[in-house]
Protein backbone atom coordinates (compact mmCIF):
# COMPACT_ATOMS: atom_id res chain seq x y z
CA MET A 1 53.35 26.57 -27.30
CA ASN A 2 50.58 27.91 -25.04
CA SER A 3 51.60 31.28 -23.64
CA ASP A 4 48.72 31.58 -21.19
CA PRO A 5 50.38 31.85 -17.75
CA ARG A 6 47.27 30.39 -16.10
CA SER A 7 47.05 27.35 -18.39
CA GLU A 8 48.02 24.88 -15.66
CA ASP A 9 45.03 26.02 -13.59
CA THR A 10 42.57 25.77 -16.46
CA THR A 11 39.67 23.41 -15.80
CA LEU A 12 38.07 23.50 -19.24
CA THR A 13 39.51 24.27 -22.67
CA LEU A 14 37.77 24.21 -26.04
CA ARG A 15 39.57 24.73 -29.34
CA ASP A 16 39.01 24.83 -33.06
CA ALA A 17 41.18 26.18 -35.86
CA SER A 18 40.44 29.82 -35.03
CA GLN A 19 39.46 30.08 -31.38
CA ARG A 20 40.36 28.95 -27.88
CA LEU A 21 37.87 29.10 -25.01
CA ALA A 22 39.16 28.50 -21.49
CA ALA A 23 37.54 28.49 -18.07
CA GLU A 24 39.39 28.60 -14.78
CA ALA A 25 38.51 26.97 -11.47
CA GLY A 26 35.48 28.59 -9.87
CA GLU A 27 34.23 30.40 -12.96
CA ILE A 28 30.57 30.50 -14.02
CA ILE A 29 30.22 30.13 -17.80
CA LEU A 30 26.85 31.13 -19.27
CA LEU A 31 26.01 29.10 -22.39
CA THR A 32 23.29 30.75 -24.46
CA GLY A 33 21.68 30.30 -27.86
CA ALA A 34 18.32 30.05 -29.54
CA VAL A 35 16.00 27.21 -28.57
CA GLY A 36 17.22 24.13 -30.45
CA SER A 37 20.61 25.66 -31.22
CA GLY A 38 22.51 22.90 -29.42
CA LYS A 39 23.15 24.13 -25.87
CA SER A 40 22.22 20.81 -24.27
CA LEU A 41 24.16 19.01 -27.00
CA TRP A 42 27.31 20.93 -26.08
CA LEU A 43 26.87 19.99 -22.43
CA LYS A 44 26.61 16.33 -23.46
CA ARG A 45 29.77 16.72 -25.52
CA LEU A 46 31.63 18.15 -22.54
CA ALA A 47 30.29 15.30 -20.41
CA GLY A 48 31.76 12.84 -22.92
CA VAL A 49 28.47 11.17 -23.83
CA THR A 50 28.38 12.63 -27.36
CA ASP A 51 31.28 13.12 -29.77
CA LEU A 52 32.71 16.55 -30.43
CA PRO A 53 32.39 18.00 -33.95
CA ASN A 54 35.22 17.42 -36.38
CA ASN A 55 38.21 19.76 -36.00
CA THR A 56 37.18 20.60 -32.43
CA SER A 57 38.93 19.49 -29.25
CA ALA A 58 38.30 19.79 -25.54
CA THR A 59 40.13 19.01 -22.33
CA ILE A 60 38.78 18.89 -18.78
CA ALA A 61 41.44 19.05 -16.06
CA GLY A 62 43.89 17.96 -18.78
CA LYS A 63 41.80 14.98 -19.93
CA LYS A 64 39.50 14.45 -22.90
CA PRO A 65 35.74 14.41 -22.23
CA GLY A 66 34.72 10.91 -21.26
CA LYS A 67 38.15 10.16 -19.80
CA ALA A 68 37.56 12.72 -17.06
CA ALA A 69 34.75 10.67 -15.55
CA GLY A 70 35.52 11.63 -11.97
CA GLU A 71 36.15 15.25 -12.89
CA THR A 72 32.83 16.08 -14.54
CA LEU A 73 29.20 15.86 -13.44
CA MET A 74 26.11 16.89 -15.37
CA LEU A 75 22.68 17.85 -14.08
CA PHE A 76 19.43 18.01 -16.06
CA ASP A 77 16.21 19.53 -14.73
CA ARG A 78 14.25 16.30 -15.17
CA GLN A 79 10.61 16.12 -14.16
CA PRO A 80 9.96 13.79 -12.53
CA PRO A 81 13.55 13.46 -11.25
CA LEU A 82 15.50 10.32 -12.07
CA TRP A 83 16.52 9.11 -8.62
CA LEU A 84 19.10 6.41 -7.98
CA GLY A 85 17.94 5.64 -4.44
CA GLN A 86 14.70 5.75 -2.46
CA ARG A 87 15.71 8.03 0.40
CA VAL A 88 17.59 11.31 0.68
CA GLY A 89 20.65 9.77 2.34
CA GLU A 90 20.90 7.02 -0.28
CA GLU A 91 20.83 9.58 -3.07
CA LEU A 92 23.51 11.72 -1.43
CA CYS A 93 25.85 8.76 -0.97
CA PHE A 94 25.28 7.02 -4.31
CA GLY A 95 28.56 6.52 -6.16
CA LEU A 96 30.80 7.68 -3.31
CA ARG A 97 33.57 5.27 -2.36
CA THR A 98 33.17 6.00 1.34
CA PRO A 99 29.76 7.06 2.72
CA PRO A 100 30.12 10.39 4.57
CA ALA A 101 29.42 10.62 8.28
CA SER A 102 25.90 11.63 9.27
CA GLU A 103 27.07 15.09 10.33
CA VAL A 104 28.55 15.64 6.87
CA LEU A 105 25.22 14.78 5.26
CA THR A 106 23.44 17.13 7.64
CA ALA A 107 25.90 19.92 6.82
CA VAL A 108 25.58 19.56 3.05
CA LEU A 109 21.79 19.50 3.28
CA SER A 110 21.92 22.69 5.33
CA ALA A 111 24.31 24.31 2.85
CA TRP A 112 21.71 23.77 0.12
CA ARG A 113 18.82 25.04 2.30
CA LEU A 114 17.48 21.54 2.90
CA GLU A 115 17.92 21.50 6.67
CA SER A 116 14.29 20.47 7.06
CA LEU A 117 15.00 17.18 5.24
CA SER A 118 16.12 14.08 7.08
CA PRO A 119 18.49 11.66 5.33
CA SER A 120 15.77 9.07 5.89
CA ALA A 121 13.11 11.13 4.07
CA GLU A 122 11.60 9.50 1.00
CA LEU A 123 12.58 11.09 -2.31
CA SER A 124 8.99 10.92 -3.56
CA SER A 125 8.07 13.61 -1.00
CA LEU A 126 10.30 16.31 -2.56
CA ASN A 127 8.95 19.23 -4.57
CA ARG A 128 10.68 20.49 -7.71
CA LEU A 129 12.94 23.02 -5.98
CA GLN A 130 13.92 20.55 -3.25
CA ALA A 131 14.73 17.95 -5.90
CA MET A 132 17.01 20.38 -7.72
CA ARG A 133 18.75 21.38 -4.49
CA LEU A 134 19.25 17.75 -3.48
CA SER A 135 20.79 16.97 -6.87
CA LEU A 136 23.20 19.87 -6.40
CA ALA A 137 24.04 18.72 -2.86
CA THR A 138 24.84 15.28 -4.27
CA MET A 139 27.04 16.90 -6.89
CA ALA A 140 28.82 18.97 -4.23
CA LEU A 141 29.63 15.86 -2.18
CA ALA A 142 31.25 14.27 -5.25
CA GLU A 143 33.54 17.33 -5.64
CA PRO A 144 33.81 17.53 -9.45
CA LYS A 145 36.16 19.97 -11.12
CA LEU A 146 33.52 20.76 -13.76
CA ALA A 147 29.76 20.93 -13.24
CA LEU A 148 27.46 21.06 -16.29
CA LEU A 149 23.99 22.39 -15.47
CA ASP A 150 21.19 22.23 -18.03
CA SER A 151 18.45 24.81 -17.36
CA PRO A 152 18.65 24.62 -13.56
CA THR A 153 16.50 27.72 -13.01
CA ASP A 154 14.42 27.99 -16.19
CA SER A 155 11.32 26.34 -14.71
CA LEU A 156 11.42 28.07 -11.31
CA PRO A 157 9.64 31.21 -10.12
CA GLU A 158 11.98 34.21 -10.31
CA THR A 159 12.56 34.49 -6.56
CA ASP A 160 13.47 30.81 -6.24
CA ALA A 161 15.60 30.99 -9.38
CA ILE A 162 17.69 33.90 -8.11
CA THR A 163 18.21 32.32 -4.69
CA LEU A 164 19.28 29.02 -6.27
CA ARG A 165 21.58 30.86 -8.69
CA ASP A 166 23.28 32.66 -5.80
CA ASP A 167 23.74 29.38 -3.92
CA ILE A 168 25.30 27.76 -7.00
CA THR A 169 27.60 30.76 -7.42
CA ALA A 170 28.69 30.61 -3.77
CA TRP A 171 29.37 26.88 -4.11
CA ALA A 172 31.48 27.44 -7.26
CA GLU A 173 33.55 30.09 -5.50
CA ARG A 174 33.92 28.09 -2.29
CA SER A 175 34.79 24.75 -3.88
CA LYS A 176 36.62 26.10 -6.96
CA THR A 177 34.27 24.11 -9.17
CA THR A 178 33.94 25.45 -12.70
CA VAL A 179 30.27 25.63 -13.69
CA VAL A 180 28.86 25.75 -17.22
CA VAL A 181 25.19 26.72 -17.23
CA ALA A 182 22.99 26.34 -20.32
CA SER A 183 19.92 28.53 -19.98
CA ASN A 184 17.15 30.00 -22.08
CA ARG A 185 16.43 32.42 -19.24
CA TRP A 186 19.92 33.88 -19.53
CA GLN A 187 18.90 36.95 -17.56
CA ASP A 188 18.91 34.82 -14.41
CA TRP A 189 22.67 34.32 -14.79
CA GLN A 190 23.92 37.46 -16.49
CA SER A 191 25.00 39.22 -13.29
CA VAL A 192 27.09 36.32 -11.92
CA ALA A 193 28.60 34.79 -15.08
CA THR A 194 32.29 35.42 -15.58
CA GLN A 195 32.13 34.46 -19.27
CA HIS A 196 29.44 34.20 -21.94
CA TRP A 197 29.70 31.56 -24.66
CA GLN A 198 27.07 31.64 -27.40
CA VAL A 199 26.01 28.57 -29.39
CA THR A 200 25.28 29.63 -32.95
CA SER A 201 25.50 26.23 -34.65
CA ARG A 202 25.31 22.61 -33.51
CA ASP A 203 28.46 21.84 -35.48
CA ASP A 204 30.66 24.81 -34.53
CA LEU A 205 32.49 25.81 -31.38
CA PRO A 206 30.50 28.26 -29.22
CA GLN A 207 31.49 31.85 -29.83
CA ARG A 208 32.82 34.15 -27.15
CA GLY A 209 29.97 36.54 -26.38
CA ALA A 210 29.97 39.96 -24.81
CA GLN A 211 31.06 39.97 -21.18
CA ALA A 212 28.16 38.59 -19.18
């Protein structure tokens, strides 16, 4: 029997025979490890696109990865970005059952410091930072319980990286979205992460690191 009094509020749980990792709504989890250790692989596992290792289990909002399709969204820092539409508004609305009103689109763009962009702007005109912010705005509109971010700040200048990090943190707190961030530039996230999970092997559960 699970004795954790907060278990019903847990967004993400990972287990193996010896350890349980759990993240609550609104937490920022920093996933670190050496280059090639399997950080991105673990994000894919949590997204349900790659199988978990043997003797390891995970639940997201009470569902197994892959069965929590509406609960989990994953973001890669792809260059060039892989867009699903041609214009900003199309990208924001892609996959939503009901397109938001124009004022909602304007508000979410402003929340992600993209107030200078029109929903009719062509996606090909965006720079790298704008593309990342638009992807996050799209994610915010979808309201996932768990957001998986792969190196969202690693390629950015330090000033831009810290500003983006703070905006992601504010979004997580405001929306109660649990965020798992895989990063080689872990220093960008150390001050805001509520937990630190370290990937030491591609086949083993991440280990609980020192408090971030």
